[in-house]
Each structure stands twice: as structure tokens, then as C-alpha cells.
C-alpha atoms as a PDB file:
ATOM      1  CA  MET A   1     -40.424 170.465 -70.760  1.00  0.00           C
ATOM      2  CA  ASN A   2     -39.741 168.496 -73.907  1.00  0.00           C
ATOM      3  CA  CYS A   3     -37.805 165.289 -73.943  1.00  0.00           C
ATOM      4  CA  ALA A   4     -36.118 163.589 -76.845  1.00  0.00           C
ATOM      5  CA  PRO A   5     -35.091 159.959 -77.282  1.00  0.00           C
ATOM      6  CA  ASN A   6     -31.462 159.023 -76.922  1.00  0.00           C
ATOM      7  CA  SER A   7     -30.429 155.668 -78.362  1.00  0.00           C
ATOM      8  CA  GLU A   8     -26.662 156.054 -78.174  1.00  0.00           C
ATOM      9  CA  ARG A   9     -26.276 153.789 -75.120  1.00  0.00           C
ATOM     10  CA  GLY A  10     -26.624 150.370 -76.670  1.00  0.00           C
ATOM     11  CA  GLY A  11     -30.008 151.060 -78.229  1.00  0.00           C
ATOM     12  CA  LEU A  12     -31.751 151.443 -74.867  1.00  0.00           C
ATOM     13  CA  LEU A  13     -34.908 153.544 -74.871  1.00  0.00           C
ATOM     14  CA  ILE A  14     -33.676 156.352 -72.642  1.00  0.00           C
ATOM     15  CA  MET A  15     -35.144 159.846 -72.716  1.00  0.00           C
ATOM     16  CA  GLN A  16     -33.252 162.937 -71.690  1.00  0.00           C
ATOM     17  CA  HIS A  17     -34.211 166.493 -70.842  1.00  0.00           C
ATOM     18  CA  SER A  18     -33.647 168.609 -73.957  1.00  0.00           C
ATOM     19  CA  SER A  19     -32.395 171.456 -71.779  1.00  0.00           C
ATOM     20  CA  VAL A  20     -29.915 169.354 -69.819  1.00  0.00           C
ATOM     21  CA  LYS A  21     -26.554 168.226 -71.117  1.00  0.00           C
ATOM     22  CA  PRO A  22     -25.872 164.673 -69.915  1.00  0.00           C
ATOM     23  CA  VAL A  23     -22.740 164.094 -67.886  1.00  0.00           C
ATOM     24  CA  PRO A  24     -20.471 161.629 -69.748  1.00  0.00           C
ATOM     25  CA  LEU A  25     -20.788 158.243 -68.102  1.00  0.00           C
ATOM     26  CA  ASN A  26     -17.071 157.589 -68.484  1.00  0.00           C
ATOM     27  CA  ASN A  27     -16.427 160.437 -66.072  1.00  0.00           C
ATOM     28  CA  LEU A  28     -18.754 158.928 -63.480  1.00  0.00           C
ATOM     29  CA  LEU A  29     -18.321 155.214 -63.614  1.00  0.00           C
ATOM     30  CA  LYS A  30     -15.724 152.563 -62.995  1.00  0.00           C
ATOM     31  CA  ARG A  31     -16.350 149.697 -65.342  1.00  0.00           C
ATOM     32  CA  THR A  32     -17.308 146.432 -63.676  1.00  0.00           C
ATOM     33  CA  GLU A  33     -17.188 143.003 -65.253  1.00  0.00           C
ATOM     34  CA  ASN A  34     -19.785 140.579 -63.980  1.00  0.00           C
ATOM     35  CA  ALA A  35     -21.720 137.527 -65.061  1.00  0.00           C
ATOM     36  CA  LYS A  36     -23.953 134.870 -63.567  1.00  0.00           C
ATOM     37  CA  GLY A  37     -26.187 132.268 -65.146  1.00  0.00           C
ATOM     38  CA  GLY A  38     -29.931 132.909 -65.244  1.00  0.00           C
ATOM     39  CA  GLY A  39     -29.567 136.667 -65.034  1.00  0.00           C
ATOM     40  CA  THR A  40     -26.996 139.367 -64.449  1.00  0.00           C
ATOM     41  CA  SER A  41     -25.158 139.438 -61.153  1.00  0.00           C
ATOM     42  CA  LEU A  42     -22.405 141.194 -59.249  1.00  0.00           C
ATOM     43  CA  GLU A  43     -20.293 139.844 -56.436  1.00  0.00           C
ATOM     44  CA  ASP A  44     -17.623 141.972 -54.786  1.00  0.00           C
ATOM     45  CA  GLY A  45     -15.302 141.959 -51.819  1.00  0.00           C
ATOM     46  CA  GLN A  46     -15.702 143.166 -48.274  1.00  0.00           C
ATOM     47  CA  ASN A  47     -17.685 146.307 -47.433  1.00  0.00           C
ATOM     48  CA  THR A  48     -19.446 146.511 -50.754  1.00  0.00           C
ATOM     49  CA  PHE A  49     -22.648 145.173 -52.267  1.00  0.00           C
ATOM     50  CA  ARG A  50     -23.989 141.774 -51.411  1.00  0.00           C
ATOM     51  CA  SER A  51     -24.426 139.256 -54.215  1.00  0.00           C
ATOM     52  CA  ILE A  52     -26.736 140.877 -56.784  1.00  0.00           C
ATOM     53  CA  VAL A  53     -29.007 139.356 -59.418  1.00  0.00           C
ATOM     54  CA  MET A  54     -31.079 141.369 -61.899  1.00  0.00           C
ATOM     55  CA  GLN A  55     -33.273 139.757 -64.544  1.00  0.00           C
ATOM     56  CA  THR A  56     -35.952 141.088 -66.886  1.00  0.00           C
ATOM     57  CA  GLY A  57     -38.877 139.164 -68.357  1.00  0.00           C
ATOM     58  CA  VAL A  58     -39.339 136.866 -65.355  1.00  0.00           C
ATOM     59  CA  LEU A  59     -43.087 136.521 -66.018  1.00  0.00           C
ATOM     60  CA  HIS A  60     -43.281 135.402 -69.626  1.00  0.00           C
ATOM     61  CA  ASP A  61     -46.967 136.257 -69.993  1.00  0.00           C
ATOM     62  CA  GLN A  62     -46.515 139.841 -68.795  1.00  0.00           C
ATOM     63  CA  LYS A  63     -44.456 142.648 -70.294  1.00  0.00           C
ATOM     64  CA  GLY A  64     -42.321 144.770 -67.999  1.00  0.00           C
ATOM     65  CA  THR A  65     -41.454 142.310 -65.230  1.00  0.00           C
ATOM     66  CA  VAL A  66     -38.173 142.289 -63.315  1.00  0.00           C
ATOM     67  CA  TYR A  67     -36.575 140.240 -60.551  1.00  0.00           C
ATOM     68  CA  VAL A  68     -33.917 141.881 -58.366  1.00  0.00           C
ATOM     69  CA  GLU A  69     -31.952 140.248 -55.587  1.00  0.00           C
ATOM     70  CA  PHE A  70     -29.536 141.890 -53.147  1.00  0.00           C
ATOM     71  CA  GLY A  71     -28.262 139.098 -50.932  1.00  0.00           C
ATOM     72  CA  SER A  72     -31.366 137.648 -49.281  1.00  0.00           C
ATOM     73  CA  THR A  73     -33.528 140.651 -50.217  1.00  0.00           C
ATOM     74  CA  LYS A  74     -35.675 139.499 -53.142  1.00  0.00           C
ATOM     75  CA  ILE A  75     -38.079 141.655 -55.139  1.00  0.00           C
ATOM     76  CA  ILE A  76     -40.364 141.204 -58.145  1.00  0.00           C
ATOM     77  CA  CYS A  77     -41.650 144.281 -59.967  1.00  0.00           C
ATOM     78  CA  SER A  78     -44.200 144.528 -62.775  1.00  0.00           C
ATOM     79  CA  VAL A  79     -45.642 147.442 -64.757  1.00  0.00           C
ATOM     80  CA  ASP A  80     -49.232 147.810 -65.943  1.00  0.00           C
ATOM     81  CA  GLY A  81     -49.904 150.584 -68.420  1.00  0.00           C
ATOM     82  CA  PRO A  82     -50.051 153.151 -69.731  1.00  0.00           C
ATOM     83  CA  LYS A  83     -53.828 152.849 -69.468  1.00  0.00           C
ATOM     84  CA  GLU A  84     -56.888 155.024 -68.927  1.00  0.00           C
ATOM     85  CA  ILE A  85     -56.878 156.843 -65.595  1.00  0.00           C
ATOM     86  CA  THR A  86     -59.068 154.984 -63.107  1.00  0.00           C
ATOM     87  CA  LYS A  87     -58.595 157.097 -59.976  1.00  0.00           C
ATOM     88  CA  SER A  88     -61.248 159.764 -59.429  1.00  0.00           C
ATOM     89  CA  ALA A  89     -59.013 162.287 -57.664  1.00  0.00           C
ATOM     90  CA  ASP A  90     -58.135 165.498 -59.472  1.00  0.00           C
ATOM     91  CA  VAL A  91     -55.096 164.962 -61.675  1.00  0.00           C
ATOM     92  CA  ASP A  92     -53.040 167.121 -63.991  1.00  0.00           C
ATOM     93  CA  PRO A  93     -54.477 166.572 -67.509  1.00  0.00           C
ATOM     94  CA  THR A  94     -51.227 167.649 -69.159  1.00  0.00           C
ATOM     95  CA  GLU A  95     -49.212 164.671 -67.932  1.00  0.00           C
ATOM     96  CA  GLY A  96     -49.620 161.033 -67.013  1.00  0.00           C
ATOM     97  CA  GLN A  97     -49.941 159.672 -63.500  1.00  0.00           C
ATOM     98  CA  ILE A  98     -47.801 156.995 -61.901  1.00  0.00           C
ATOM     99  CA  TYR A  99     -48.905 154.901 -58.937  1.00  0.00           C
ATOM    100  CA  VAL A 100     -46.825 152.471 -56.897  1.00  0.00           C
ATOM    101  CA  PHE A 101     -48.309 149.459 -55.107  1.00  0.00           C
ATOM    102  CA  LEU A 102     -45.940 147.851 -52.604  1.00  0.00           C
ATOM    103  CA  LYS A 103     -46.566 144.524 -50.881  1.00  0.00           C
ATOM    104  CA  ASN A 104     -43.920 143.340 -48.411  1.00  0.00           C
ATOM    105  CA  ILE A 105     -44.784 139.684 -47.885  1.00  0.00           C
ATOM    106  CA  SER A 106     -41.785 139.168 -45.614  1.00  0.00           C
ATOM    107  CA  ALA A 107     -42.636 142.076 -43.298  1.00  0.00           C
ATOM    108  CA  GLU A 108     -46.328 141.174 -43.173  1.00  0.00           C
ATOM    109  CA  SER A 109     -45.627 137.581 -42.152  1.00  0.00           C
ATOM    110  CA  ASN A 110     -43.206 138.731 -39.446  1.00  0.00           C
ATOM    111  CA  SER A 111     -45.682 141.258 -38.033  1.00  0.00           C
ATOM    112  CA  LEU A 112     -48.702 138.964 -37.680  1.00  0.00           C
ATOM    113  CA  SER A 113     -47.913 138.344 -34.017  1.00  0.00           C
ATOM    114  CA  GLY A 114     -48.864 141.843 -32.808  1.00  0.00           C
ATOM    115  CA  SER A 115     -50.844 144.893 -33.867  1.00  0.00           C
ATOM    116  CA  ASN A 116     -48.009 147.291 -32.972  1.00  0.00           C
ATOM    117  CA  SER A 117     -45.509 145.522 -35.219  1.00  0.00           C
ATOM    118  CA  PHE A 118     -48.093 145.345 -38.007  1.00  0.00           C
ATOM    119  CA  SER A 119     -48.742 149.085 -37.715  1.00  0.00           C
ATOM    120  CA  ALA A 120     -45.002 149.823 -37.827  1.00  0.00           C
ATOM    121  CA  SER A 121     -44.594 147.543 -40.861  1.00  0.00           C
ATOM    122  CA  ASN A 122     -47.483 149.244 -42.655  1.00  0.00           C
ATOM    123  CA  LYS A 123     -46.060 152.686 -41.888  1.00  0.00           C
ATOM    124  CA  GLU A 124     -42.649 151.657 -43.226  1.00  0.00           C
ATOM    125  CA  SER A 125     -44.181 150.216 -46.413  1.00  0.00           C
ATOM    126  CA  ASN A 126     -46.094 153.454 -47.012  1.00  0.00           C
ATOM    127  CA  ARG A 127     -42.919 155.488 -46.513  1.00  0.00           C
ATOM    128  CA  ILE A 128     -41.019 153.363 -49.028  1.00  0.00           C
ATOM    129  CA  ARG A 129     -43.926 153.447 -51.495  1.00  0.00           C
ATOM    130  CA  ASN A 130     -44.120 157.242 -51.330  1.00  0.00           C
ATOM    131  CA  ALA A 131     -40.360 157.560 -51.864  1.00  0.00           C
ATOM    132  CA  ILE A 132     -40.474 155.277 -54.919  1.00  0.00           C
ATOM    133  CA  GLU A 133     -43.497 157.057 -56.381  1.00  0.00           C
ATOM    134  CA  SER A 134     -41.803 160.436 -55.996  1.00  0.00           C
ATOM    135  CA  ALA A 135     -38.604 159.156 -57.620  1.00  0.00           C
ATOM    136  CA  LEU A 136     -40.418 157.580 -60.568  1.00  0.00           C
ATOM    137  CA  ARG A 137     -42.233 160.839 -61.308  1.00  0.00           C
ATOM    138  CA  SER A 138     -38.848 162.390 -62.022  1.00  0.00           C
ATOM    139  CA  ILE A 139     -37.667 159.428 -64.112  1.00  0.00           C
ATOM    140  CA  VAL A 140     -40.648 158.828 -66.432  1.00  0.00           C
ATOM    141  CA  CYS A 141     -41.525 161.227 -69.279  1.00  0.00           C
ATOM    142  CA  LEU A 142     -45.026 161.768 -67.906  1.00  0.00           C
ATOM    143  CA  GLU A 143     -45.848 164.535 -70.384  1.00  0.00           C
ATOM    144  CA  LEU A 144     -45.932 161.854 -73.099  1.00  0.00           C
ATOM    145  CA  PHE A 145     -48.774 160.030 -71.327  1.00  0.00           C
ATOM    146  CA  CYS A 146     -51.477 162.685 -70.988  1.00  0.00           C
ATOM    147  CA  LYS A 147     -54.688 161.417 -69.356  1.00  0.00           C
ATOM    148  CA  ALA A 148     -53.099 158.010 -68.740  1.00  0.00           C
ATOM    149  CA  GLN A 149     -51.783 156.206 -65.701  1.00  0.00           C
ATOM    150  CA  ILE A 150     -48.961 153.751 -65.119  1.00  0.00           C
ATOM    151  CA  ASP A 151     -49.160 151.251 -62.258  1.00  0.00           C
ATOM    152  CA  VAL A 152     -45.950 149.856 -60.777  1.00  0.00           C
ATOM    153  CA  GLU A 153     -46.484 146.792 -58.597  1.00  0.00           C
ATOM    154  CA  ILE A 154     -43.638 145.782 -56.277  1.00  0.00           C
ATOM    155  CA  THR A 155     -43.672 142.568 -54.256  1.00  0.00           C
ATOM    156  CA  VAL A 156     -40.984 142.072 -51.617  1.00  0.00           C
ATOM    157  CA  LEU A 157     -40.583 138.305 -51.378  1.00  0.00           C
ATOM    158  CA  ASN A 158     -37.938 138.529 -48.660  1.00  0.00           C
ATOM    159  CA  ASP A 159     -36.701 141.577 -46.749  1.00  0.00           C
ATOM    160  CA  ASP A 160     -33.117 141.436 -45.500  1.00  0.00           C
ATOM    161  CA  GLY A 161     -32.397 145.158 -45.778  1.00  0.00           C
ATOM    162  CA  GLY A 162     -32.089 147.710 -48.571  1.00  0.00           C
ATOM    163  CA  VAL A 163     -35.656 147.312 -49.860  1.00  0.00           C
ATOM    164  CA  LEU A 164     -35.943 150.935 -50.999  1.00  0.00           C
ATOM    165  CA  ALA A 165     -32.724 150.862 -53.053  1.00  0.00           C
ATOM    166  CA  ALA A 166     -33.555 147.487 -54.605  1.00  0.00           C
ATOM    167  CA  SER A 167     -37.111 148.622 -55.399  1.00  0.00           C
ATOM    168  CA  LEU A 168     -35.896 151.805 -57.104  1.00  0.00           C
ATOM    169  CA  ILE A 169     -33.665 149.761 -59.396  1.00  0.00           C
ATOM    170  CA  ALA A 170     -36.331 147.109 -60.017  1.00  0.00           C
ATOM    171  CA  SER A 171     -39.044 149.640 -60.883  1.00  0.00           C
ATOM    172  CA  SER A 172     -36.712 151.527 -63.227  1.00  0.00           C
ATOM    173  CA  LEU A 173     -35.792 148.311 -65.045  1.00  0.00           C
ATOM    174  CA  ALA A 174     -39.436 147.233 -65.260  1.00  0.00           C
ATOM    175  CA  LEU A 175     -40.510 150.554 -66.774  1.00  0.00           C
ATOM    176  CA  ILE A 176     -37.823 150.336 -69.451  1.00  0.00           C
ATOM    177  CA  ASP A 177     -38.577 146.654 -70.099  1.00  0.00           C
ATOM    178  CA  SER A 178     -42.234 147.570 -70.670  1.00  0.00           C
ATOM    179  CA  GLY A 179     -41.247 150.155 -73.306  1.00  0.00           C
ATOM    180  CA  ILE A 180     -42.177 153.244 -71.299  1.00  0.00           C
ATOM    181  CA  GLN A 181     -40.039 156.284 -72.106  1.00  0.00           C
ATOM    182  CA  VAL A 182     -37.800 157.469 -69.290  1.00  0.00           C
ATOM    183  CA  TYR A 183     -35.239 160.230 -68.957  1.00  0.00           C
ATOM    184  CA  ASP A 184     -32.649 157.790 -67.647  1.00  0.00           C
ATOM    185  CA  VAL A 185     -32.262 154.559 -65.747  1.00  0.00           C
ATOM    186  CA  CYS A 186     -32.067 154.651 -61.951  1.00  0.00           C
ATOM    187  CA  VAL A 187     -29.280 153.198 -59.846  1.00  0.00           C
ATOM    188  CA  ALA A 188     -29.486 153.211 -56.060  1.00  0.00           C
ATOM    189  CA  ALA A 189     -27.567 152.263 -52.937  1.00  0.00           C
ATOM    190  CA  HIS A 190     -28.187 151.973 -49.201  1.00  0.00           C
ATOM    191  CA  ILE A 191     -25.420 152.627 -46.646  1.00  0.00           C
ATOM    192  CA  VAL A 192     -25.189 153.024 -42.889  1.00  0.00           C
ATOM    193  CA  MET A 193     -22.659 155.028 -40.895  1.00  0.00           C
ATOM    194  CA  LEU A 194     -21.694 153.432 -37.589  1.00  0.00           C
ATOM    195  CA  THR A 195     -21.043 155.328 -34.384  1.00  0.00           C
ATOM    196  CA  ASP A 196     -17.289 154.860 -34.861  1.00  0.00           C
ATOM    197  CA  GLY A 197     -17.434 156.557 -38.287  1.00  0.00           C
ATOM    198  CA  ARG A 198     -17.195 153.418 -40.406  1.00  0.00           C
ATOM    199  CA  ILE A 199     -19.548 153.125 -43.379  1.00  0.00           C
ATOM    200  CA  ILE A 200     -21.142 149.827 -44.354  1.00  0.00           C
ATOM    201  CA  VAL A 201     -22.418 149.498 -47.917  1.00  0.00           C
ATOM    202  CA  ASP A 202     -25.632 147.544 -48.523  1.00  0.00           C
ATOM    203  CA  PRO A 203     -25.862 145.998 -45.035  1.00  0.00           C
ATOM    204  CA  SER A 204     -28.221 143.116 -44.387  1.00  0.00           C
ATOM    205  CA  ILE A 205     -30.671 142.991 -41.510  1.00  0.00           C
ATOM    206  CA  SER A 206     -29.360 139.559 -40.560  1.00  0.00           C
ATOM    207  CA  SER A 207     -25.849 140.992 -40.106  1.00  0.00           C
ATOM    208  CA  PHE A 208     -26.922 143.935 -37.937  1.00  0.00           C
ATOM    209  CA  PRO A 209     -29.606 143.805 -35.230  1.00  0.00           C
ATOM    210  CA  LEU A 210     -32.112 146.567 -35.903  1.00  0.00           C
ATOM    211  CA  SER A 211     -32.832 149.527 -33.683  1.00  0.00           C
ATOM    212  CA  SER A 212     -36.087 149.727 -31.782  1.00  0.00           C
ATOM    213  CA  ILE A 213     -36.845 153.071 -33.465  1.00  0.00           C
ATOM    214  CA  PRO A 214     -40.269 152.299 -35.030  1.00  0.00           C
ATOM    215  CA  ASP A 215     -39.974 154.466 -38.130  1.00  0.00           C
ATOM    216  CA  SER A 216     -36.380 153.730 -39.098  1.00  0.00           C
ATOM    217  CA  GLU A 217     -35.522 151.681 -42.157  1.00  0.00           C
ATOM    218  CA  ASP A 218     -32.672 149.159 -41.903  1.00  0.00           C
ATOM    219  CA  PHE A 219     -31.207 151.010 -38.928  1.00  0.00           C
ATOM    220  CA  PRO A 220     -28.640 148.947 -36.928  1.00  0.00           C
ATOM    221  CA  ARG A 221     -28.387 149.568 -33.189  1.00  0.00           C
ATOM    222  CA  ASN A 222     -24.737 150.615 -33.437  1.00  0.00           C
ATOM    223  CA  ALA A 223     -25.360 153.040 -36.329  1.00  0.00           C
ATOM    224  CA  HIS A 224     -26.233 156.695 -36.158  1.00  0.00           C
ATOM    225  CA  LEU A 225     -27.111 157.302 -39.805  1.00  0.00           C
ATOM    226  CA  SER A 226     -28.848 155.322 -42.565  1.00  0.00           C
ATOM    227  CA  VAL A 227     -28.888 156.751 -46.109  1.00  0.00           C
ATOM    228  CA  THR A 228     -30.518 155.567 -49.348  1.00  0.00           C
ATOM    229  CA  VAL A 229     -30.006 157.426 -52.618  1.00  0.00           C
ATOM    230  CA  GLY A 230     -31.299 156.923 -56.142  1.00  0.00           C
ATOM    231  CA  ILE A 231     -29.600 158.639 -59.067  1.00  0.00           C
ATOM    232  CA  MET A 232     -30.002 159.071 -62.829  1.00  0.00           C
ATOM    233  CA  PRO A 233     -26.360 158.509 -63.839  1.00  0.00           C
ATOM    234  CA  SER A 234     -26.216 160.102 -67.296  1.00  0.00           C
ATOM    235  CA  LEU A 235     -27.960 163.237 -66.015  1.00  0.00           C
ATOM    236  CA  ASN A 236     -26.062 163.140 -62.716  1.00  0.00           C
ATOM    237  CA  GLN A 237     -29.279 163.944 -60.837  1.00  0.00           C
ATOM    238  CA  LEU A 238     -30.615 162.569 -57.564  1.00  0.00           C
ATOM    239  CA  THR A 239     -34.109 161.106 -57.755  1.00  0.00           C
ATOM    240  CA  CYS A 240     -34.250 159.983 -54.133  1.00  0.00           C
ATOM    241  CA  CYS A 241     -32.397 160.842 -50.938  1.00  0.00           C
ATOM    242  CA  GLU A 242     -33.792 159.276 -47.766  1.00  0.00           C
ATOM    243  CA  PHE A 243     -31.919 159.343 -44.461  1.00  0.00           C
ATOM    244  CA  VAL A 244     -32.679 158.403 -40.872  1.00  0.00           C
ATOM    245  CA  GLY A 245     -30.578 159.152 -37.808  1.00  0.00           C
ATOM    246  CA  ILE A 246     -28.503 161.851 -36.173  1.00  0.00           C
ATOM    247  CA  ALA A 247     -25.365 163.282 -37.754  1.00  0.00           C
ATOM    248  CA  GLU A 248     -23.371 166.450 -38.201  1.00  0.00           C
ATOM    249  CA  PRO A 249     -23.831 168.196 -41.572  1.00  0.00           C
ATOM    250  CA  HIS A 250     -20.371 167.125 -42.767  1.00  0.00           C
ATOM    251  CA  GLN A 251     -21.127 163.502 -41.801  1.00  0.00           C
ATOM    252  CA  LEU A 252     -24.388 163.567 -43.738  1.00  0.00           C
ATOM    253  CA  ARG A 253     -22.675 165.057 -46.797  1.00  0.00           C
ATOM    254  CA  HIS A 254     -20.000 162.366 -46.635  1.00  0.00           C
ATOM    255  CA  ALA A 255     -22.549 159.573 -46.232  1.00  0.00           C
ATOM    256  CA  ILE A 256     -24.584 160.812 -49.203  1.00  0.00           C
ATOM    257  CA  ALA A 257     -21.423 161.083 -51.324  1.00  0.00           C
ATOM    258  CA  VAL A 258     -20.457 157.499 -50.468  1.00  0.00           C
ATOM    259  CA  ALA A 259     -23.972 156.281 -51.299  1.00  0.00           C
ATOM    260  CA  VAL A 260     -23.905 158.110 -54.646  1.00  0.00           C
ATOM    261  CA  GLU A 261     -20.448 156.751 -55.470  1.00  0.00           C
ATOM    262  CA  ASN A 262     -21.532 153.187 -54.767  1.00  0.00           C
ATOM    263  CA  SER A 263     -24.825 153.504 -56.627  1.00  0.00           C
ATOM    264  CA  LEU A 264     -22.931 154.566 -59.747  1.00  0.00           C
ATOM    265  CA  LYS A 265     -20.927 151.342 -59.589  1.00  0.00           C
ATOM    266  CA  LEU A 266     -24.144 149.491 -60.403  1.00  0.00           C
ATOM    267  CA  TYR A 267     -24.722 151.202 -63.755  1.00  0.00           C
ATOM    268  CA  PRO A 268     -22.735 148.664 -65.835  1.00  0.00           C
ATOM    269  CA  LEU A 269     -24.765 145.895 -64.200  1.00  0.00           C
ATOM    270  CA  VAL A 270     -28.083 147.642 -64.916  1.00  0.00           C
ATOM    271  CA  ARG A 271     -27.007 148.320 -68.506  1.00  0.00           C
ATOM    272  CA  LYS A 272     -25.965 144.706 -69.018  1.00  0.00           C
ATOM    273  CA  THR A 273     -29.283 143.484 -67.610  1.00  0.00           C
ATOM    274  CA  LEU A 274     -31.188 145.520 -70.200  1.00  0.00           C
ATOM    275  CA  THR A 275     -28.981 144.609 -73.152  1.00  0.00           C
ATOM    276  CA  ASN A 276     -29.075 140.884 -72.279  1.00  0.00           C
ATOM    277  CA  LYS A 277     -32.878 140.620 -72.270  1.00  0.00           C
END
């Protein structure tokens, strides 16, 4: 599939599928005004996102570095590449390869006390890494990087919930900041549905005690569904949809719709972060 550059959105280097007609952003988004010194931020009212900070170029000696903060969840992402493929496994020679390396410093320090908690933390990190890697393969124009690889390194400095959503946004911003062609930016949101039907947007771990379910991400004890989505807004396409819990089909559809709606609210913030660099 061919992709062609689109520079209509503020000069950003965004690639789009030549066979797909982008959905007008004005039909998807509600404009949001936001500003904060030292980066771009968003603060809203109750039952919405925590305080958000997004900043590119945080490591001055390295291209393609981004800092993202959702409340107390803090992430740094950097991109290395494109470069010659170093992995020996069989790869498709017609397109580039993308690899994600995730290090959750917060989770590792909390799990040092026992082997079971360390194993659960490692399993969760691998699940998040695989989800990010899969999403980025649909975002990056890999056919432009034949016989090359792109490494995305994500370091979770502090984990207070919503790591997957924050990492999707951070990695998307870092790829664009490094000059790598993408079909679109990625916006993402994490929500939980409580047993009484209420939906909490971008909940923090500190606000909700977590379930003892070992393979659940950010899953409060009084919730029965946790959903994280990533979306390419101008193409109106999901890049990631991860959910944990038990729900009726109509509840799952509603939860996904709410997550998509809230993720789209972040597009003006992501756009402003890129244009302010």
C-alpha cells in the first residue's frame, strides 16, 4: 500500500493511506484550550483526565525524545533509527521492522520483595510492550524503511495507572519528533467501568485499590471492566483496543465508545505539543 505525505495540519509530517479518505477532524473533535509552562498540559474537571504534560525534545543530545505525564504516571520515550536490522530472525524484506523496549522502573522497584510479584510485573510489562509494538506497526509507514529497523525505548519513571495509553501517545510523539513518517498521530485513553455502571476516565492506581487478578492492568477491585484504546484521529481507525474484565456485549461497546470519545479530546493537545517544539 502506498502512502503519501500530508502537510495540511500545521506542517506536521503525517502520512496517510492513499486509498483511505481521512475523516475531517472538525467532525470528531471538540477544541480544547490548554497551556502550561515547560511543555503542553491539560487540566480538566471531575471524571476526566488527570493533569497532563507532553513535551518533545527533553534530551537535547538525542533526536526523537518525549516526556509524557498523566497525573503521577511519568514516561520518557526515545526513538533510535531507522538503522540497519540487527536481529537475526526472519523478517519481511519489503518493509521495516519496529521494536519496542519497555522498562517500568516503578513496577520493578515495587516487585523486588517477592518473586511472584516480580513475575507478574514482568508479564504485565510484556503485555503492554506487545500492545504498543502492534499499534506502532499500523501507525508507521514501514514500507518506506525496507531492510531497516526502528527501536522505540520507553521508560516508565512512575506508574500510577494508564501506562499503556500514556506510552502509546509518547511513542507516537517520539516517532514524529524523530522525523519518521507515520500515517497519523496516535491518541489514547484508559477508562474503567465500575460495578454500578459508572465510568471513570483515566483513573489513578492511588485512587483505586487494585484487584488481586495477576494479569489485569489498572483494574480496581470495584470495577468489572478496564479498557484502553488508541486511535488515529484523522483516519478514524483504532490502533489498539485492550480490555480486561467481565461485561455484557453492550457494556463493552459502550465502554469502548467512551474511551474513543475521550481519546479524541486529546488531539488538540498532541497537535499543540508538536507545533510548539
